[in-house]
Amino acid sequence: MNEQLVNALIAALREQTAAQREQTEAINRPAESNVALSDVIIQSLAGDLEEAPEQQTYLSGKPRG
């Protein structure tokens, strides 16, 4: 290979690397957003669990169990 071809190959590889980095960032953005959204959902569900469950009763008002 002559020097001109080597330089062209190096430039093409640099462009490819930059494009792959941009692609990786674009893929990671929704993934990070999904993680944040699932964290919020989990926290809201955990908040529901912290509330004391109502004691179940029969229609007569007597406690079940």
PDB file of N, CA and C in Angstrom:
ATOM      1  N   MET A   1       0.844  -1.184   0.000  1.00  0.00           N
ATOM      2  CA  MET A   1       0.000   0.000   0.000  1.00  0.00           C
ATOM      3  C   MET A   1       0.884   1.240   0.000  1.00  0.00           C
ATOM      4  N   ASN A   2       0.449   2.199  -0.750  1.00  0.00           N
ATOM      5  CA  ASN A   2       1.235   3.423  -0.718  1.00  0.00           C
ATOM      6  C   ASN A   2       0.717   4.326   0.399  1.00  0.00           C
ATOM      7  N   GLU A   3       1.459   5.351   0.662  1.00  0.00           N
ATOM      8  CA  GLU A   3       1.163   6.231   1.793  1.00  0.00           C
ATOM      9  C   GLU A   3      -0.198   6.905   1.654  1.00  0.00           C
ATOM     10  N   GLN A   4      -0.584   7.251   0.444  1.00  0.00           N
ATOM     11  CA  GLN A   4      -1.871   7.909   0.226  1.00  0.00           C
ATOM     12  C   GLN A   4      -3.030   6.982   0.601  1.00  0.00           C
ATOM     13  N   LEU A   5      -2.931   5.712   0.230  1.00  0.00           N
ATOM     14  CA  LEU A   5      -3.977   4.752   0.580  1.00  0.00           C
ATOM     15  C   LEU A   5      -4.026   4.507   2.085  1.00  0.00           C
ATOM     16  N   VAL A   6      -2.865   4.450   2.711  1.00  0.00           N
ATOM     17  CA  VAL A   6      -2.809   4.254   4.159  1.00  0.00           C
ATOM     18  C   VAL A   6      -3.483   5.427   4.865  1.00  0.00           C
ATOM     19  N   ASN A   7      -3.187   6.631   4.429  1.00  0.00           N
ATOM     20  CA  ASN A   7      -3.799   7.814   5.032  1.00  0.00           C
ATOM     21  C   ASN A   7      -5.315   7.827   4.822  1.00  0.00           C
ATOM     22  N   ALA A   8      -5.761   7.414   3.639  1.00  0.00           N
ATOM     23  CA  ALA A   8      -7.200   7.347   3.368  1.00  0.00           C
ATOM     24  C   ALA A   8      -7.858   6.297   4.256  1.00  0.00           C
ATOM     25  N   LEU A   9      -7.191   5.171   4.450  1.00  0.00           N
ATOM     26  CA  LEU A   9      -7.716   4.115   5.314  1.00  0.00           C
ATOM     27  C   LEU A   9      -7.802   4.591   6.764  1.00  0.00           C
ATOM     28  N   ILE A  10      -6.774   5.268   7.223  1.00  0.00           N
ATOM     29  CA  ILE A  10      -6.771   5.801   8.592  1.00  0.00           C
ATOM     30  C   ILE A  10      -7.914   6.799   8.767  1.00  0.00           C
ATOM     31  N   ALA A  11      -8.118   7.674   7.799  1.00  0.00           N
ATOM     32  CA  ALA A  11      -9.203   8.658   7.873  1.00  0.00           C
ATOM     33  C   ALA A  11     -10.562   7.958   7.898  1.00  0.00           C
ATOM     34  N   ALA A  12     -10.723   6.931   7.074  1.00  0.00           N
ATOM     35  CA  ALA A  12     -11.991   6.193   7.045  1.00  0.00           C
ATOM     36  C   ALA A  12     -12.241   5.480   8.366  1.00  0.00           C
ATOM     37  N   LEU A  13     -11.196   4.921   8.949  1.00  0.00           N
ATOM     38  CA  LEU A  13     -11.341   4.243  10.239  1.00  0.00           C
ATOM     39  C   LEU A  13     -11.688   5.232  11.347  1.00  0.00           C
ATOM     40  N   ARG A  14     -11.120   6.417  11.295  1.00  0.00           N
ATOM     41  CA  ARG A  14     -11.455   7.447  12.287  1.00  0.00           C
ATOM     42  C   ARG A  14     -12.923   7.859  12.162  1.00  0.00           C
ATOM     43  N   GLU A  15     -13.386   8.024  10.918  1.00  0.00           N
ATOM     44  CA  GLU A  15     -14.790   8.376  10.697  1.00  0.00           C
ATOM     45  C   GLU A  15     -15.711   7.264  11.193  1.00  0.00           C
ATOM     46  N   GLN A  16     -15.327   6.025  10.926  1.00  0.00           N
ATOM     47  CA  GLN A  16     -16.131   4.892  11.372  1.00  0.00           C
ATOM     48  C   GLN A  16     -16.188   4.837  12.900  1.00  0.00           C
ATOM     49  N   THR A  17     -15.058   5.063  13.535  1.00  0.00           N
ATOM     50  CA  THR A  17     -15.008   5.047  14.999  1.00  0.00           C
ATOM     51  C   THR A  17     -15.889   6.143  15.578  1.00  0.00           C
ATOM     52  N   ALA A  18     -15.832   7.330  15.004  1.00  0.00           N
ATOM     53  CA  ALA A  18     -16.670   8.439  15.477  1.00  0.00           C
ATOM     54  C   ALA A  18     -18.149   8.108  15.293  1.00  0.00           C
ATOM     55  N   ALA A  19     -18.499   7.522  14.158  1.00  0.00           N
ATOM     56  CA  ALA A  19     -19.894   7.156  13.908  1.00  0.00           C
ATOM     57  C   ALA A  19     -20.359   6.085  14.887  1.00  0.00           C
ATOM     58  N   GLN A  20     -19.495   5.131  15.197  1.00  0.00           N
ATOM     59  CA  GLN A  20     -19.863   4.080  16.148  1.00  0.00           C
ATOM     60  C   GLN A  20     -20.039   4.644  17.555  1.00  0.00           C
ATOM     61  N   ARG A  21     -19.228   5.613  17.923  1.00  0.00           N
ATOM     62  CA  ARG A  21     -19.388   6.253  19.238  1.00  0.00           C
ATOM     63  C   ARG A  21     -20.720   6.993  19.313  1.00  0.00           C
ATOM     64  N   GLU A  22     -21.063   7.712  18.254  1.00  0.00           N
ATOM     65  CA  GLU A  22     -22.345   8.416  18.218  1.00  0.00           C
ATOM     66  C   GLU A  22     -23.504   7.423  18.284  1.00  0.00           C
ATOM     67  N   GLN A  23     -23.362   6.316  17.585  1.00  0.00           N
ATOM     68  CA  GLN A  23     -24.399   5.290  17.595  1.00  0.00           C
ATOM     69  C   GLN A  23     -24.556   4.696  18.995  1.00  0.00           C
ATOM     70  N   THR A  24     -23.447   4.447  19.655  1.00  0.00           N
ATOM     71  CA  THR A  24     -23.487   3.901  21.013  1.00  0.00           C
ATOM     72  C   THR A  24     -24.177   4.870  21.958  1.00  0.00           C
ATOM     73  N   GLU A  25     -23.861   6.153  21.845  1.00  0.00           N
ATOM     74  CA  GLU A  25     -24.516   7.163  22.680  1.00  0.00           C
ATOM     75  C   GLU A  25     -26.014   7.200  22.400  1.00  0.00           C
ATOM     76  N   ALA A  26     -26.398   7.096  21.139  1.00  0.00           N
ATOM     77  CA  ALA A  26     -27.816   7.112  20.777  1.00  0.00           C
ATOM     78  C   ALA A  26     -28.541   5.890  21.329  1.00  0.00           C
ATOM     79  N   ILE A  27     -27.874   4.763  21.369  1.00  0.00           N
ATOM     80  CA  ILE A  27     -28.469   3.545  21.926  1.00  0.00           C
ATOM     81  C   ILE A  27     -28.573   3.653  23.439  1.00  0.00           C
ATOM     82  N   ASN A  28     -27.588   4.242  24.076  1.00  0.00           N
ATOM     83  CA  ASN A  28     -27.571   4.327  25.539  1.00  0.00           C
ATOM     84  C   ASN A  28     -28.599   5.306  26.093  1.00  0.00           C
ATOM     85  N   ARG A  29     -28.926   6.361  25.345  1.00  0.00           N
ATOM     86  CA  ARG A  29     -29.887   7.348  25.852  1.00  0.00           C
ATOM     87  C   ARG A  29     -31.239   6.719  26.196  1.00  0.00           C
ATOM     88  N   PRO A  30     -31.878   5.975  25.294  1.00  0.00           N
ATOM     89  CA  PRO A  30     -33.157   5.367  25.675  1.00  0.00           C
ATOM     90  C   PRO A  30     -32.995   4.314  26.769  1.00  0.00           C
ATOM     91  N   ALA A  31     -31.872   3.618  26.777  1.00  0.00           N
ATOM     92  CA  ALA A  31     -31.649   2.615  27.821  1.00  0.00           C
ATOM     93  C   ALA A  31     -31.585   3.283  29.187  1.00  0.00           C
ATOM     94  N   GLU A  32     -30.885   4.395  29.284  1.00  0.00           N
ATOM     95  CA  GLU A  32     -30.798   5.127  30.552  1.00  0.00           C
ATOM     96  C   GLU A  32     -32.162   5.685  30.947  1.00  0.00           C
ATOM     97  N   SER A  33     -32.916   6.144  29.958  1.00  0.00           N
ATOM     98  CA  SER A  33     -34.257   6.648  30.228  1.00  0.00           C
ATOM     99  C   SER A  33     -35.155   5.529  30.743  1.00  0.00           C
ATOM    100  N   ASN A  34     -35.037   4.344  30.160  1.00  0.00           N
ATOM    101  CA  ASN A  34     -35.831   3.203  30.608  1.00  0.00           C
ATOM    102  C   ASN A  34     -35.482   2.817  32.037  1.00  0.00           C
ATOM    103  N   VAL A  35     -34.212   2.876  32.379  1.00  0.00           N
ATOM    104  CA  VAL A  35     -33.793   2.559  33.749  1.00  0.00           C
ATOM    105  C   VAL A  35     -34.402   3.570  34.717  1.00  0.00           C
ATOM    106  N   ALA A  36     -34.350   4.845  34.358  1.00  0.00           N
ATOM    107  CA  ALA A  36     -34.913   5.881  35.228  1.00  0.00           C
ATOM    108  C   ALA A  36     -36.420   5.690  35.382  1.00  0.00           C
ATOM    109  N   LEU A  37     -37.095   5.362  34.293  1.00  0.00           N
ATOM    110  CA  LEU A  37     -38.537   5.149  34.351  1.00  0.00           C
ATOM    111  C   LEU A  37     -38.878   3.940  35.208  1.00  0.00           C
ATOM    112  N   SER A  38     -38.143   2.857  35.056  1.00  0.00           N
ATOM    113  CA  SER A  38     -38.416   1.672  35.876  1.00  0.00           C
ATOM    114  C   SER A  38     -38.125   1.950  37.346  1.00  0.00           C
ATOM    115  N   ASP A  39     -37.123   2.771  37.647  1.00  0.00           N
ATOM    116  CA  ASP A  39     -36.854   3.147  39.042  1.00  0.00           C
ATOM    117  C   ASP A  39     -38.037   3.897  39.645  1.00  0.00           C
ATOM    118  N   VAL A  40     -38.621   4.803  38.869  1.00  0.00           N
ATOM    119  CA  VAL A  40     -39.777   5.560  39.351  1.00  0.00           C
ATOM    120  C   VAL A  40     -40.965   4.625  39.588  1.00  0.00           C
ATOM    121  N   ILE A  41     -41.182   3.700  38.668  1.00  0.00           N
ATOM    122  CA  ILE A  41     -42.288   2.751  38.822  1.00  0.00           C
ATOM    123  C   ILE A  41     -42.077   1.884  40.053  1.00  0.00           C
ATOM    124  N   ILE A  42     -40.867   1.395  40.240  1.00  0.00           N
ATOM    125  CA  ILE A  42     -40.566   0.552  41.401  1.00  0.00           C
ATOM    126  C   ILE A  42     -40.773   1.333  42.694  1.00  0.00           C
ATOM    127  N   GLN A  43     -40.321   2.585  42.727  1.00  0.00           N
ATOM    128  CA  GLN A  43     -40.506   3.404  43.928  1.00  0.00           C
ATOM    129  C   GLN A  43     -41.984   3.638  44.218  1.00  0.00           C
ATOM    130  N   SER A  44     -42.763   3.875  43.171  1.00  0.00           N
ATOM    131  CA  SER A  44     -44.191   4.111  43.401  1.00  0.00           C
ATOM    132  C   SER A  44     -44.877   2.839  43.878  1.00  0.00           C
ATOM    133  N   LEU A  45     -44.464   1.688  43.352  1.00  0.00           N
ATOM    134  CA  LEU A  45     -45.044   0.426  43.810  1.00  0.00           C
ATOM    135  C   LEU A  45     -44.596   0.117  45.232  1.00  0.00           C
ATOM    136  N   ALA A  46     -43.361   0.423  45.553  1.00  0.00           N
ATOM    137  CA  ALA A  46     -42.863   0.192  46.909  1.00  0.00           C
ATOM    138  C   ALA A  46     -43.610   1.077  47.893  1.00  0.00           C
ATOM    139  N   GLY A  47     -43.962   2.286  47.482  1.00  0.00           N
ATOM    140  CA  GLY A  47     -44.741   3.175  48.333  1.00  0.00           C
ATOM    141  C   GLY A  47     -46.113   2.585  48.625  1.00  0.00           C
ATOM    142  N   ASP A  48     -46.685   1.900  47.642  1.00  0.00           N
ATOM    143  CA  ASP A  48     -47.974   1.248  47.854  1.00  0.00           C
ATOM    144  C   ASP A  48     -47.852   0.125  48.870  1.00  0.00           C
ATOM    145  N   LEU A  49     -46.727  -0.562  48.883  1.00  0.00           N
ATOM    146  CA  LEU A  49     -46.535  -1.679  49.801  1.00  0.00           C
ATOM    147  C   LEU A  49     -46.339  -1.209  51.235  1.00  0.00           C
ATOM    148  N   GLU A  50     -45.819   0.003  51.409  1.00  0.00           N
ATOM    149  CA  GLU A  50     -45.547   0.503  52.750  1.00  0.00           C
ATOM    150  C   GLU A  50     -46.825   0.855  53.506  1.00  0.00           C
ATOM    151  N   GLU A  51     -47.902   1.081  52.783  1.00  0.00           N
ATOM    152  CA  GLU A  51     -49.164   1.392  53.439  1.00  0.00           C
ATOM    153  C   GLU A  51     -49.694   0.129  54.107  1.00  0.00           C
ATOM    154  N   ALA A  52     -50.270   0.285  55.282  1.00  0.00           N
ATOM    155  CA  ALA A  52     -50.806  -0.869  56.005  1.00  0.00           C
ATOM    156  C   ALA A  52     -52.005  -1.427  55.247  1.00  0.00           C
ATOM    157  N   PRO A  53     -52.010  -2.725  55.007  1.00  0.00           N
ATOM    158  CA  PRO A  53     -53.148  -3.307  54.294  1.00  0.00           C
ATOM    159  C   PRO A  53     -54.393  -3.278  55.176  1.00  0.00           C
ATOM    160  N   GLU A  54     -55.517  -3.032  54.546  1.00  0.00           N
ATOM    161  CA  GLU A  54     -56.763  -3.019  55.296  1.00  0.00           C
ATOM    162  C   GLU A  54     -57.101  -4.447  55.701  1.00  0.00           C
ATOM    163  N   GLN A  55     -57.592  -4.582  56.906  1.00  0.00           N
ATOM    164  CA  GLN A  55     -57.959  -5.909  57.376  1.00  0.00           C
ATOM    165  C   GLN A  55     -59.233  -6.327  56.657  1.00  0.00           C
ATOM    166  N   GLN A  56     -59.214  -7.529  56.132  1.00  0.00           N
ATOM    167  CA  GLN A  56     -60.380  -8.019  55.417  1.00  0.00           C
ATOM    168  C   GLN A  56     -61.430  -8.500  56.407  1.00  0.00           C
ATOM    169  N   THR A  57     -62.665  -8.190  56.079  1.00  0.00           N
ATOM    170  CA  THR A  57     -63.770  -8.611  56.949  1.00  0.00           C
ATOM    171  C   THR A  57     -64.854  -9.263  56.103  1.00  0.00           C
ATOM    172  N   TYR A  58     -65.678 -10.030  56.774  1.00  0.00           N
ATOM    173  CA  TYR A  58     -66.861 -10.587  56.130  1.00  0.00           C
ATOM    174  C   TYR A  58     -67.922  -9.495  56.043  1.00  0.00           C
ATOM    175  N   LEU A  59     -69.003  -9.761  55.311  1.00  0.00           N
ATOM    176  CA  LEU A  59     -70.077  -8.774  55.193  1.00  0.00           C
ATOM    177  C   LEU A  59     -70.664  -8.418  56.552  1.00  0.00           C
ATOM    178  N   SER A  60     -70.594  -9.346  57.484  1.00  0.00           N
ATOM    179  CA  SER A  60     -71.119  -9.085  58.825  1.00  0.00           C
ATOM    180  C   SER A  60     -70.226  -8.140  59.618  1.00  0.00           C
ATOM    181  N   GLY A  61     -69.002  -7.914  59.127  1.00  0.00           N
ATOM    182  CA  GLY A  61     -68.063  -7.058  59.831  1.00  0.00           C
ATOM    183  C   GLY A  61     -67.061  -7.820  60.670  1.00  0.00           C
ATOM    184  N   LYS A  62     -67.247  -9.137  60.794  1.00  0.00           N
ATOM    185  CA  LYS A  62     -66.302  -9.955  61.556  1.00  0.00           C
ATOM    186  C   LYS A  62     -64.999 -10.064  60.768  1.00  0.00           C
ATOM    187  N   PRO A  63     -63.846  -9.999  61.439  1.00  0.00           N
ATOM    188  CA  PRO A  63     -62.564 -10.095  60.731  1.00  0.00           C
ATOM    189  C   PRO A  63     -62.370 -11.480  60.125  1.00  0.00           C
ATOM    190  N   ARG A  64     -61.737 -11.484  58.967  1.00  0.00           N
ATOM    191  CA  ARG A  64     -61.412 -12.756  58.312  1.00  0.00           C
ATOM    192  C   ARG A  64     -60.099 -13.265  58.859  1.00  0.00           C
ATOM    193  N   GLY A  65     -59.977 -14.578  58.907  1.00  0.00           N
ATOM    194  CA  GLY A  65     -58.716 -15.206  59.249  1.00  0.00           C
ATOM    195  C   GLY A  65     -58.537 -15.328  60.666  1.00  0.00           C
TER     196      GLY A  65
END
